[in-house]
């Protein structure tokens, strides 16, 4: 795996071995970041189920201000730290070894806010009401949640968020969500 663009373009990154993580393919990352290019510079990124941290690393390479990588797997956290060090981004990111619920509770209690949230949960997780509900207090008003999922999956995100776009590359799907401006009247957020 390599960083696609930005200050670390072409640099290799490692991914944890085994079946506990599923790194986002280079082709998917390239297409995803082409869509997000206007949202990256200066953004604060939360990467839940971060795995290798490839999405956060790509965002940092393209000008994100900071990244918080969350994963409960010790080996994934070790690889994230190694990738941050090798790319020179250690001062802009933090690695949090917690399960997503505990991490989100702590970040919310600390008053953190994020412009972009990357979600790359195990593909078997399709009912994400609880995850999206927990993110409401962490997301900036015009923030964007980017969910990687199996292409054909039906995702349940809850009523507070609207899906503004969905793309598919092979077996991989990516959906974009924004908080509804007023969940009571169904007014949806802007396009990704």
N, C-alpha and C. Protein backbone atom coordinates (compact mmCIF):
# COMPACT_ATOMS: atom_id res chain seq x y z
N UNK A 1 0.84 -1.18 0.00
CA UNK A 1 0.00 0.00 0.00
C UNK A 1 0.88 1.24 0.00
N UNK A 2 0.41 2.26 -0.69
CA UNK A 2 1.14 3.52 -0.78
C UNK A 2 0.19 4.69 -0.57
N UNK A 3 0.77 5.83 -0.17
CA UNK A 3 0.01 7.07 -0.11
C UNK A 3 -0.17 7.54 -1.55
N UNK A 4 -1.38 7.93 -1.91
CA UNK A 4 -1.70 8.26 -3.30
C UNK A 4 -1.24 9.65 -3.70
N UNK A 5 -1.43 10.66 -2.82
CA UNK A 5 -1.13 12.04 -3.21
C UNK A 5 -0.75 12.87 -1.99
N UNK A 6 -0.25 14.07 -2.26
CA UNK A 6 0.09 14.99 -1.18
C UNK A 6 1.57 14.93 -0.82
N UNK A 7 1.89 15.40 0.37
CA UNK A 7 3.28 15.52 0.79
C UNK A 7 3.99 14.18 0.94
N UNK A 8 3.24 13.11 1.17
CA UNK A 8 3.85 11.77 1.33
C UNK A 8 3.57 10.89 0.12
N UNK A 9 3.24 11.50 -1.00
CA UNK A 9 2.88 10.75 -2.20
C UNK A 9 3.93 9.68 -2.54
N UNK A 10 3.41 8.46 -2.81
CA UNK A 10 4.27 7.35 -3.23
C UNK A 10 4.95 6.61 -2.09
N UNK A 11 4.87 7.13 -0.87
CA UNK A 11 5.51 6.47 0.26
C UNK A 11 4.72 5.24 0.68
N UNK A 12 5.43 4.18 1.03
CA UNK A 12 4.79 2.93 1.45
C UNK A 12 4.26 3.04 2.87
N UNK A 13 3.13 2.37 3.08
CA UNK A 13 2.61 2.21 4.44
C UNK A 13 2.33 0.74 4.67
N UNK A 14 2.38 0.35 5.93
CA UNK A 14 2.16 -1.04 6.29
C UNK A 14 0.71 -1.26 6.70
N UNK A 15 0.28 -2.50 6.58
CA UNK A 15 -1.05 -2.90 7.05
C UNK A 15 -0.87 -4.08 8.00
N UNK A 16 -1.72 -4.17 9.01
CA UNK A 16 -1.63 -5.31 9.92
C UNK A 16 -1.87 -6.62 9.18
N UNK A 17 -1.14 -7.65 9.58
CA UNK A 17 -1.34 -8.96 8.96
C UNK A 17 -2.55 -9.63 9.58
N UNK A 18 -3.07 -10.64 8.90
CA UNK A 18 -4.20 -11.39 9.43
C UNK A 18 -5.51 -10.91 8.86
N UNK A 19 -6.59 -11.46 9.40
CA UNK A 19 -7.93 -11.17 8.88
C UNK A 19 -8.71 -10.19 9.74
N UNK A 20 -8.08 -9.63 10.77
CA UNK A 20 -8.79 -8.70 11.64
C UNK A 20 -8.98 -7.33 11.01
N UNK A 21 -8.16 -7.00 10.01
CA UNK A 21 -8.31 -5.71 9.34
C UNK A 21 -8.42 -5.93 7.84
N UNK A 22 -9.05 -4.97 7.16
CA UNK A 22 -9.25 -5.03 5.72
C UNK A 22 -8.86 -3.66 5.17
N UNK A 23 -7.60 -3.47 4.78
CA UNK A 23 -7.17 -2.15 4.32
C UNK A 23 -7.96 -1.69 3.11
N UNK A 24 -8.25 -0.39 3.07
CA UNK A 24 -8.93 0.20 1.91
C UNK A 24 -7.99 0.14 0.72
N UNK A 25 -8.47 -0.43 -0.36
CA UNK A 25 -7.64 -0.58 -1.56
C UNK A 25 -7.19 0.77 -2.10
N UNK A 26 -5.99 0.80 -2.68
CA UNK A 26 -5.45 2.05 -3.24
C UNK A 26 -6.42 2.69 -4.23
N UNK A 27 -7.03 1.89 -5.09
CA UNK A 27 -7.96 2.41 -6.11
C UNK A 27 -9.17 3.07 -5.44
N UNK A 28 -9.67 2.45 -4.38
CA UNK A 28 -10.82 3.02 -3.67
C UNK A 28 -10.40 4.31 -2.97
N UNK A 29 -9.24 4.30 -2.32
CA UNK A 29 -8.76 5.52 -1.65
C UNK A 29 -8.58 6.65 -2.65
N UNK A 30 -8.01 6.35 -3.81
CA UNK A 30 -7.79 7.39 -4.81
C UNK A 30 -9.12 8.01 -5.25
N UNK A 31 -10.09 7.18 -5.58
CA UNK A 31 -11.40 7.68 -5.99
C UNK A 31 -12.08 8.44 -4.86
N UNK A 32 -12.03 7.90 -3.66
CA UNK A 32 -12.65 8.55 -2.51
C UNK A 32 -12.06 9.94 -2.27
N UNK A 33 -10.74 10.04 -2.29
CA UNK A 33 -10.11 11.33 -2.02
C UNK A 33 -10.25 12.31 -3.17
N UNK A 34 -10.47 11.82 -4.39
CA UNK A 34 -10.81 12.73 -5.49
C UNK A 34 -12.16 13.39 -5.22
N UNK A 35 -13.09 12.65 -4.65
CA UNK A 35 -14.40 13.20 -4.29
C UNK A 35 -14.27 14.19 -3.14
N UNK A 36 -13.42 13.86 -2.16
CA UNK A 36 -13.30 14.66 -0.94
C UNK A 36 -12.31 15.83 -1.02
N UNK A 37 -11.64 15.99 -2.14
CA UNK A 37 -10.50 16.91 -2.21
C UNK A 37 -10.77 18.30 -1.65
N UNK A 38 -11.96 18.83 -1.80
CA UNK A 38 -12.26 20.18 -1.31
C UNK A 38 -12.54 20.20 0.20
N UNK A 39 -12.70 19.04 0.80
CA UNK A 39 -13.03 18.94 2.22
C UNK A 39 -11.82 18.63 3.11
N UNK A 40 -10.67 18.37 2.54
CA UNK A 40 -9.54 17.84 3.30
C UNK A 40 -8.70 18.92 3.99
N UNK A 41 -8.23 19.89 3.25
CA UNK A 41 -7.27 20.87 3.78
C UNK A 41 -7.80 21.53 5.05
N UNK A 42 -7.01 21.42 6.12
CA UNK A 42 -7.35 22.04 7.40
C UNK A 42 -8.37 21.28 8.22
N UNK A 43 -8.80 20.12 7.77
CA UNK A 43 -9.84 19.38 8.48
C UNK A 43 -9.29 18.61 9.68
N UNK A 44 -10.19 18.34 10.61
CA UNK A 44 -9.91 17.46 11.75
C UNK A 44 -10.61 16.15 11.46
N UNK A 45 -9.85 15.05 11.49
CA UNK A 45 -10.32 13.75 11.03
C UNK A 45 -10.43 12.78 12.20
N UNK A 46 -11.54 12.05 12.25
CA UNK A 46 -11.71 10.92 13.16
C UNK A 46 -11.81 9.68 12.30
N UNK A 47 -11.01 8.68 12.62
CA UNK A 47 -10.96 7.43 11.85
C UNK A 47 -11.31 6.29 12.80
N UNK A 48 -12.59 5.87 12.79
CA UNK A 48 -13.03 4.76 13.64
C UNK A 48 -12.83 3.45 12.90
N UNK A 49 -12.45 2.41 13.61
CA UNK A 49 -12.11 1.13 13.01
C UNK A 49 -10.96 1.37 12.03
N UNK A 50 -9.92 2.06 12.49
CA UNK A 50 -8.88 2.62 11.62
C UNK A 50 -7.97 1.62 10.93
N UNK A 51 -7.81 0.42 11.49
CA UNK A 51 -6.93 -0.56 10.85
C UNK A 51 -5.52 -0.02 10.70
N UNK A 52 -5.01 0.04 9.47
CA UNK A 52 -3.66 0.55 9.21
C UNK A 52 -3.58 2.06 9.37
N UNK A 53 -4.73 2.72 9.36
CA UNK A 53 -4.77 4.18 9.40
C UNK A 53 -4.63 4.80 8.03
N UNK A 54 -4.77 4.01 6.97
CA UNK A 54 -4.53 4.49 5.60
C UNK A 54 -5.38 5.71 5.25
N UNK A 55 -6.64 5.74 5.70
CA UNK A 55 -7.50 6.88 5.36
C UNK A 55 -7.03 8.15 6.06
N UNK A 56 -6.68 8.04 7.33
CA UNK A 56 -6.15 9.20 8.06
C UNK A 56 -4.83 9.66 7.47
N UNK A 57 -3.96 8.71 7.15
CA UNK A 57 -2.65 9.04 6.60
C UNK A 57 -2.79 9.76 5.26
N UNK A 58 -3.71 9.28 4.43
CA UNK A 58 -3.96 9.93 3.14
C UNK A 58 -4.47 11.35 3.37
N UNK A 59 -5.38 11.52 4.34
CA UNK A 59 -5.91 12.85 4.64
C UNK A 59 -4.81 13.78 5.14
N UNK A 60 -3.95 13.30 6.02
CA UNK A 60 -2.84 14.12 6.53
C UNK A 60 -1.89 14.50 5.40
N UNK A 61 -1.61 13.58 4.51
CA UNK A 61 -0.74 13.86 3.37
C UNK A 61 -1.32 14.95 2.48
N UNK A 62 -2.64 15.03 2.43
CA UNK A 62 -3.31 16.00 1.57
C UNK A 62 -3.68 17.29 2.30
N UNK A 63 -3.20 17.46 3.53
CA UNK A 63 -3.38 18.74 4.20
C UNK A 63 -4.34 18.79 5.37
N UNK A 64 -4.83 17.64 5.84
CA UNK A 64 -5.68 17.65 7.04
C UNK A 64 -4.86 18.19 8.21
N UNK A 65 -5.52 18.91 9.10
CA UNK A 65 -4.84 19.49 10.26
C UNK A 65 -4.44 18.43 11.28
N UNK A 66 -5.34 17.48 11.54
CA UNK A 66 -5.08 16.47 12.56
C UNK A 66 -5.92 15.23 12.30
N UNK A 67 -5.53 14.14 12.97
CA UNK A 67 -6.29 12.89 12.85
C UNK A 67 -6.26 12.15 14.17
N UNK A 68 -7.39 11.53 14.49
CA UNK A 68 -7.51 10.64 15.64
C UNK A 68 -7.86 9.27 15.10
N UNK A 69 -6.97 8.30 15.31
CA UNK A 69 -7.18 6.94 14.81
C UNK A 69 -7.60 6.05 15.96
N UNK A 70 -8.74 5.39 15.81
CA UNK A 70 -9.28 4.54 16.86
C UNK A 70 -9.40 3.11 16.35
N UNK A 71 -8.82 2.18 17.10
CA UNK A 71 -8.97 0.76 16.81
C UNK A 71 -8.70 0.00 18.10
N UNK A 72 -9.41 -1.09 18.29
CA UNK A 72 -9.23 -1.87 19.52
C UNK A 72 -8.16 -2.95 19.38
N UNK A 73 -7.62 -3.12 18.18
CA UNK A 73 -6.62 -4.15 17.93
C UNK A 73 -5.21 -3.62 18.20
N UNK A 74 -4.50 -4.28 19.11
CA UNK A 74 -3.15 -3.85 19.51
C UNK A 74 -2.20 -3.80 18.32
N UNK A 75 -2.26 -4.80 17.44
CA UNK A 75 -1.36 -4.84 16.30
C UNK A 75 -1.67 -3.69 15.33
N UNK A 76 -2.95 -3.39 15.14
CA UNK A 76 -3.33 -2.26 14.27
C UNK A 76 -2.78 -0.96 14.85
N UNK A 77 -2.88 -0.77 16.17
CA UNK A 77 -2.35 0.44 16.80
C UNK A 77 -0.84 0.55 16.61
N UNK A 78 -0.15 -0.57 16.71
CA UNK A 78 1.30 -0.57 16.52
C UNK A 78 1.65 -0.14 15.10
N UNK A 79 0.93 -0.68 14.12
CA UNK A 79 1.16 -0.33 12.71
C UNK A 79 0.83 1.14 12.46
N UNK A 80 -0.26 1.64 13.06
CA UNK A 80 -0.62 3.06 12.90
C UNK A 80 0.52 3.95 13.37
N UNK A 81 1.04 3.65 14.57
CA UNK A 81 2.15 4.46 15.10
C UNK A 81 3.38 4.40 14.19
N UNK A 82 3.67 3.20 13.72
CA UNK A 82 4.82 3.02 12.82
C UNK A 82 4.64 3.82 11.53
N UNK A 83 3.44 3.77 10.95
CA UNK A 83 3.17 4.53 9.73
C UNK A 83 3.25 6.03 9.97
N UNK A 84 2.72 6.50 11.09
CA UNK A 84 2.79 7.93 11.42
C UNK A 84 4.23 8.40 11.55
N UNK A 85 5.04 7.61 12.24
CA UNK A 85 6.46 7.95 12.41
C UNK A 85 7.18 7.97 11.07
N UNK A 86 6.99 6.93 10.27
CA UNK A 86 7.74 6.83 9.02
C UNK A 86 7.36 7.94 8.03
N UNK A 87 6.12 8.43 8.11
CA UNK A 87 5.69 9.49 7.21
C UNK A 87 5.88 10.89 7.79
N UNK A 88 6.28 10.96 9.06
CA UNK A 88 6.51 12.26 9.68
C UNK A 88 5.24 12.95 10.16
N UNK A 89 4.17 12.21 10.39
CA UNK A 89 2.90 12.78 10.83
C UNK A 89 2.60 12.56 12.30
N UNK A 90 3.55 12.04 13.06
CA UNK A 90 3.28 11.68 14.46
C UNK A 90 2.79 12.87 15.28
N UNK A 91 3.26 14.08 14.99
CA UNK A 91 2.85 15.26 15.73
C UNK A 91 1.45 15.75 15.39
N UNK A 92 0.86 15.22 14.34
CA UNK A 92 -0.46 15.67 13.91
C UNK A 92 -1.56 14.66 14.22
N UNK A 93 -1.20 13.53 14.81
CA UNK A 93 -2.20 12.47 15.00
C UNK A 93 -2.04 11.79 16.34
N UNK A 94 -3.14 11.21 16.76
CA UNK A 94 -3.09 10.39 17.97
C UNK A 94 -3.69 9.03 17.66
N UNK A 95 -3.16 8.03 18.33
CA UNK A 95 -3.62 6.65 18.18
C UNK A 95 -4.32 6.27 19.47
N UNK A 96 -5.56 5.84 19.37
CA UNK A 96 -6.37 5.49 20.53
C UNK A 96 -6.72 4.01 20.47
N UNK A 97 -6.23 3.24 21.45
CA UNK A 97 -6.55 1.82 21.49
C UNK A 97 -7.74 1.62 22.42
N UNK A 98 -8.92 1.65 21.84
CA UNK A 98 -10.17 1.47 22.57
C UNK A 98 -11.19 0.86 21.62
N UNK A 99 -12.21 0.31 22.19
CA UNK A 99 -13.33 -0.07 21.35
C UNK A 99 -14.05 1.22 20.98
N UNK A 100 -14.75 1.23 19.86
CA UNK A 100 -15.30 2.47 19.34
C UNK A 100 -16.22 3.18 20.32
N UNK A 101 -17.03 2.41 21.09
CA UNK A 101 -17.97 3.03 22.03
C UNK A 101 -17.23 3.82 23.11
N UNK A 102 -16.23 3.18 23.69
CA UNK A 102 -15.46 3.84 24.75
C UNK A 102 -14.73 5.06 24.21
N UNK A 103 -14.14 4.93 23.03
CA UNK A 103 -13.40 6.05 22.43
C UNK A 103 -14.33 7.23 22.15
N UNK A 104 -15.49 6.96 21.57
CA UNK A 104 -16.43 8.04 21.24
C UNK A 104 -16.92 8.73 22.51
N UNK A 105 -17.21 7.95 23.56
CA UNK A 105 -17.62 8.55 24.84
C UNK A 105 -16.55 9.49 25.38
N UNK A 106 -15.28 9.03 25.35
CA UNK A 106 -14.17 9.85 25.86
C UNK A 106 -13.97 11.11 25.02
N UNK A 107 -13.99 10.97 23.71
CA UNK A 107 -13.80 12.12 22.82
C UNK A 107 -14.93 13.14 22.98
N UNK A 108 -16.14 12.65 23.16
CA UNK A 108 -17.29 13.54 23.37
C UNK A 108 -17.14 14.27 24.70
N UNK A 109 -16.76 13.56 25.74
CA UNK A 109 -16.56 14.17 27.06
C UNK A 109 -15.49 15.26 27.01
N UNK A 110 -14.48 15.05 26.17
CA UNK A 110 -13.39 16.03 26.01
C UNK A 110 -13.80 17.22 25.14
N UNK A 111 -14.98 17.17 24.55
CA UNK A 111 -15.45 18.28 23.71
C UNK A 111 -14.84 18.31 22.32
N UNK A 112 -14.35 17.19 21.84
CA UNK A 112 -13.74 17.15 20.51
C UNK A 112 -14.80 17.32 19.43
N UNK A 113 -14.38 17.89 18.31
CA UNK A 113 -15.25 18.07 17.15
C UNK A 113 -14.43 17.72 15.90
N UNK A 114 -15.10 17.10 14.94
CA UNK A 114 -14.42 16.64 13.73
C UNK A 114 -15.17 17.09 12.48
N UNK A 115 -14.40 17.37 11.44
CA UNK A 115 -14.97 17.76 10.14
C UNK A 115 -15.27 16.54 9.28
N UNK A 116 -14.40 15.52 9.39
CA UNK A 116 -14.55 14.29 8.62
C UNK A 116 -14.45 13.10 9.55
N UNK A 117 -15.35 12.16 9.40
CA UNK A 117 -15.30 10.91 10.16
C UNK A 117 -15.28 9.76 9.16
N UNK A 118 -14.21 8.97 9.21
CA UNK A 118 -14.12 7.77 8.39
C UNK A 118 -14.57 6.58 9.23
N UNK A 119 -15.49 5.80 8.68
CA UNK A 119 -15.96 4.58 9.33
C UNK A 119 -15.66 3.41 8.41
N UNK A 120 -14.90 2.46 8.90
CA UNK A 120 -14.60 1.27 8.11
C UNK A 120 -14.78 0.05 9.02
N UNK A 121 -16.05 -0.17 9.47
CA UNK A 121 -16.29 -1.29 10.38
C UNK A 121 -16.25 -2.62 9.63
N UNK A 122 -16.24 -3.72 10.36
CA UNK A 122 -16.36 -5.02 9.67
C UNK A 122 -17.60 -5.02 8.79
N UNK A 123 -17.49 -5.59 7.61
CA UNK A 123 -18.60 -5.56 6.65
C UNK A 123 -19.88 -6.17 7.20
N UNK A 124 -19.77 -7.08 8.17
CA UNK A 124 -20.97 -7.70 8.72
C UNK A 124 -21.80 -6.70 9.54
N UNK A 125 -21.19 -5.56 9.94
CA UNK A 125 -21.92 -4.54 10.68
C UNK A 125 -22.68 -3.66 9.68
N UNK A 126 -23.99 -3.86 9.58
CA UNK A 126 -24.80 -3.04 8.68
C UNK A 126 -25.82 -2.19 9.44
N UNK A 127 -26.15 -2.60 10.66
CA UNK A 127 -27.02 -1.77 11.49
C UNK A 127 -26.12 -0.86 12.31
N UNK A 128 -25.97 0.37 11.84
CA UNK A 128 -25.02 1.31 12.43
C UNK A 128 -25.72 2.46 13.16
N UNK A 129 -27.00 2.27 13.52
CA UNK A 129 -27.73 3.30 14.27
C UNK A 129 -26.94 3.78 15.47
N UNK A 130 -26.42 2.84 16.24
CA UNK A 130 -25.73 3.19 17.49
C UNK A 130 -24.46 4.00 17.21
N UNK A 131 -23.73 3.60 16.19
CA UNK A 131 -22.50 4.31 15.83
C UNK A 131 -22.83 5.73 15.39
N UNK A 132 -23.76 5.87 14.46
CA UNK A 132 -24.10 7.20 13.95
C UNK A 132 -24.68 8.09 15.06
N UNK A 133 -25.51 7.51 15.90
CA UNK A 133 -26.08 8.28 17.01
C UNK A 133 -24.98 8.81 17.92
N UNK A 134 -23.98 7.99 18.19
CA UNK A 134 -22.86 8.40 19.05
C UNK A 134 -22.02 9.50 18.41
N UNK A 135 -22.01 9.55 17.09
CA UNK A 135 -21.19 10.55 16.38
C UNK A 135 -21.80 11.94 16.36
N UNK A 136 -23.09 12.04 16.64
CA UNK A 136 -23.77 13.34 16.55
C UNK A 136 -23.06 14.43 17.35
N UNK A 137 -22.58 14.10 18.54
CA UNK A 137 -21.93 15.09 19.39
C UNK A 137 -20.49 15.39 19.01
N UNK A 138 -19.94 14.65 18.08
CA UNK A 138 -18.54 14.85 17.67
C UNK A 138 -18.40 15.55 16.32
N UNK A 139 -19.48 15.60 15.57
CA UNK A 139 -19.41 16.09 14.20
C UNK A 139 -19.69 17.59 14.13
N UNK A 140 -18.84 18.31 13.43
CA UNK A 140 -19.10 19.73 13.16
C UNK A 140 -20.41 19.85 12.38
N UNK A 141 -21.01 21.02 12.43
CA UNK A 141 -22.32 21.22 11.80
C UNK A 141 -22.32 20.82 10.32
N UNK A 142 -21.26 21.14 9.60
CA UNK A 142 -21.19 20.78 8.18
C UNK A 142 -20.28 19.58 7.95
N UNK A 143 -20.08 18.79 9.01
CA UNK A 143 -19.20 17.62 8.94
C UNK A 143 -19.75 16.52 8.05
N UNK A 144 -18.86 15.63 7.67
CA UNK A 144 -19.18 14.56 6.74
C UNK A 144 -18.72 13.23 7.32
N UNK A 145 -19.59 12.22 7.26
CA UNK A 145 -19.23 10.86 7.65
C UNK A 145 -19.10 10.05 6.38
N UNK A 146 -17.98 9.35 6.26
CA UNK A 146 -17.70 8.53 5.09
C UNK A 146 -17.63 7.09 5.55
N UNK A 147 -18.54 6.26 5.05
CA UNK A 147 -18.66 4.87 5.48
C UNK A 147 -18.24 3.94 4.35
N UNK A 148 -17.27 3.07 4.64
CA UNK A 148 -16.91 2.01 3.70
C UNK A 148 -17.68 0.76 4.07
N UNK A 149 -18.27 0.09 3.07
CA UNK A 149 -19.11 -1.07 3.32
C UNK A 149 -19.11 -1.97 2.09
N UNK A 150 -19.66 -3.14 2.25
CA UNK A 150 -19.82 -4.02 1.10
C UNK A 150 -20.78 -3.34 0.12
N UNK A 151 -20.46 -3.39 -1.16
CA UNK A 151 -21.17 -2.61 -2.17
C UNK A 151 -22.68 -2.79 -2.14
N UNK A 152 -23.16 -3.98 -1.99
CA UNK A 152 -24.60 -4.26 -2.07
C UNK A 152 -25.30 -4.14 -0.71
N UNK A 153 -24.58 -3.81 0.33
CA UNK A 153 -25.16 -3.80 1.68
C UNK A 153 -26.21 -2.71 1.85
N UNK A 154 -27.25 -3.05 2.59
CA UNK A 154 -28.25 -2.07 3.01
C UNK A 154 -27.83 -1.59 4.39
N UNK A 155 -27.53 -0.32 4.51
CA UNK A 155 -27.01 0.25 5.74
C UNK A 155 -28.11 0.99 6.49
N UNK A 156 -28.17 0.79 7.80
CA UNK A 156 -29.09 1.54 8.66
C UNK A 156 -28.28 2.53 9.47
N UNK A 157 -28.49 3.82 9.19
CA UNK A 157 -27.71 4.85 9.86
C UNK A 157 -28.53 5.68 10.84
N UNK A 158 -29.81 5.49 10.87
CA UNK A 158 -30.65 6.27 11.79
C UNK A 158 -31.22 7.51 11.12
N UNK A 159 -32.14 8.17 11.82
CA UNK A 159 -32.87 9.28 11.25
C UNK A 159 -32.14 10.62 11.28
N UNK A 160 -31.12 10.76 12.11
CA UNK A 160 -30.45 12.05 12.25
C UNK A 160 -29.51 12.34 11.07
N UNK A 161 -29.18 11.32 10.29
CA UNK A 161 -28.26 11.47 9.17
C UNK A 161 -28.95 11.16 7.85
N UNK A 162 -28.53 11.85 6.81
CA UNK A 162 -29.02 11.52 5.47
C UNK A 162 -27.84 11.12 4.60
N UNK A 163 -28.07 10.11 3.78
CA UNK A 163 -27.05 9.67 2.83
C UNK A 163 -27.10 10.64 1.65
N UNK A 164 -25.98 11.32 1.39
CA UNK A 164 -25.95 12.32 0.33
C UNK A 164 -25.34 11.80 -0.96
N UNK A 165 -24.62 10.68 -0.86
CA UNK A 165 -23.99 10.11 -2.06
C UNK A 165 -23.58 8.68 -1.74
N UNK A 166 -23.52 7.84 -2.77
CA UNK A 166 -23.06 6.46 -2.61
C UNK A 166 -22.32 6.09 -3.88
N UNK A 167 -21.14 5.50 -3.70
CA UNK A 167 -20.32 5.07 -4.83
C UNK A 167 -19.96 3.60 -4.65
N UNK A 168 -19.58 2.96 -5.76
CA UNK A 168 -19.20 1.56 -5.72
C UNK A 168 -17.99 1.33 -6.61
N UNK A 169 -17.01 0.62 -6.08
CA UNK A 169 -15.84 0.20 -6.83
C UNK A 169 -15.64 -1.28 -6.55
N UNK A 170 -16.06 -2.13 -7.49
CA UNK A 170 -15.98 -3.56 -7.28
C UNK A 170 -16.88 -3.96 -6.11
N UNK A 171 -16.34 -4.76 -5.20
CA UNK A 171 -17.13 -5.22 -4.04
C UNK A 171 -17.23 -4.16 -2.95
N UNK A 172 -16.51 -3.07 -3.09
CA UNK A 172 -16.45 -2.03 -2.06
C UNK A 172 -17.41 -0.89 -2.38
N UNK A 173 -18.21 -0.53 -1.39
CA UNK A 173 -19.08 0.63 -1.52
C UNK A 173 -18.67 1.69 -0.51
N UNK A 174 -18.91 2.94 -0.85
CA UNK A 174 -18.63 4.05 0.05
C UNK A 174 -19.86 4.96 0.03
N UNK A 175 -20.38 5.25 1.23
CA UNK A 175 -21.53 6.14 1.37
C UNK A 175 -21.12 7.36 2.16
N UNK A 176 -21.73 8.50 1.81
CA UNK A 176 -21.43 9.79 2.44
C UNK A 176 -22.68 10.25 3.19
N UNK A 177 -22.49 10.68 4.42
CA UNK A 177 -23.62 11.11 5.25
C UNK A 177 -23.35 12.48 5.86
N UNK A 178 -24.42 13.23 5.99
CA UNK A 178 -24.39 14.50 6.73
C UNK A 178 -25.53 14.49 7.73
N UNK A 179 -25.32 15.23 8.82
CA UNK A 179 -26.41 15.42 9.77
C UNK A 179 -27.54 16.16 9.06
N UNK A 180 -28.75 15.76 9.32
CA UNK A 180 -29.88 16.49 8.77
C UNK A 180 -29.92 17.84 9.46
N UNK A 181 -30.24 18.87 8.71
CA UNK A 181 -30.30 20.23 9.27
C UNK A 181 -31.39 20.30 10.32
N UNK A 182 -32.52 19.65 10.04
CA UNK A 182 -33.61 19.59 10.98
C UNK A 182 -34.25 18.22 10.87
N UNK A 183 -33.82 17.26 11.72
CA UNK A 183 -34.33 15.90 11.60
C UNK A 183 -35.85 15.82 11.68
N UNK A 184 -36.49 16.80 12.30
CA UNK A 184 -37.93 16.77 12.46
C UNK A 184 -38.69 16.98 11.16
N UNK A 185 -38.12 17.78 10.23
CA UNK A 185 -38.87 18.06 9.00
C UNK A 185 -38.28 17.39 7.77
N UNK A 186 -37.22 16.58 7.96
CA UNK A 186 -36.67 15.83 6.85
C UNK A 186 -35.80 16.63 5.92
N UNK A 187 -35.45 17.88 6.26
CA UNK A 187 -34.56 18.67 5.44
C UNK A 187 -33.19 18.04 5.45
N UNK A 188 -32.68 17.73 4.30
CA UNK A 188 -31.41 17.03 4.24
C UNK A 188 -30.25 17.98 4.07
N UNK A 189 -29.03 17.46 4.43
CA UNK A 189 -27.80 18.24 4.28
C UNK A 189 -27.39 18.36 2.83
N UNK A 190 -26.28 19.01 2.60
CA UNK A 190 -25.77 19.25 1.26
C UNK A 190 -25.08 18.01 0.71
N UNK A 191 -24.84 18.02 -0.59
CA UNK A 191 -24.13 16.93 -1.24
C UNK A 191 -22.68 16.85 -0.74
N UNK A 192 -22.09 15.64 -0.83
CA UNK A 192 -20.69 15.43 -0.44
C UNK A 192 -19.86 16.21 -1.34
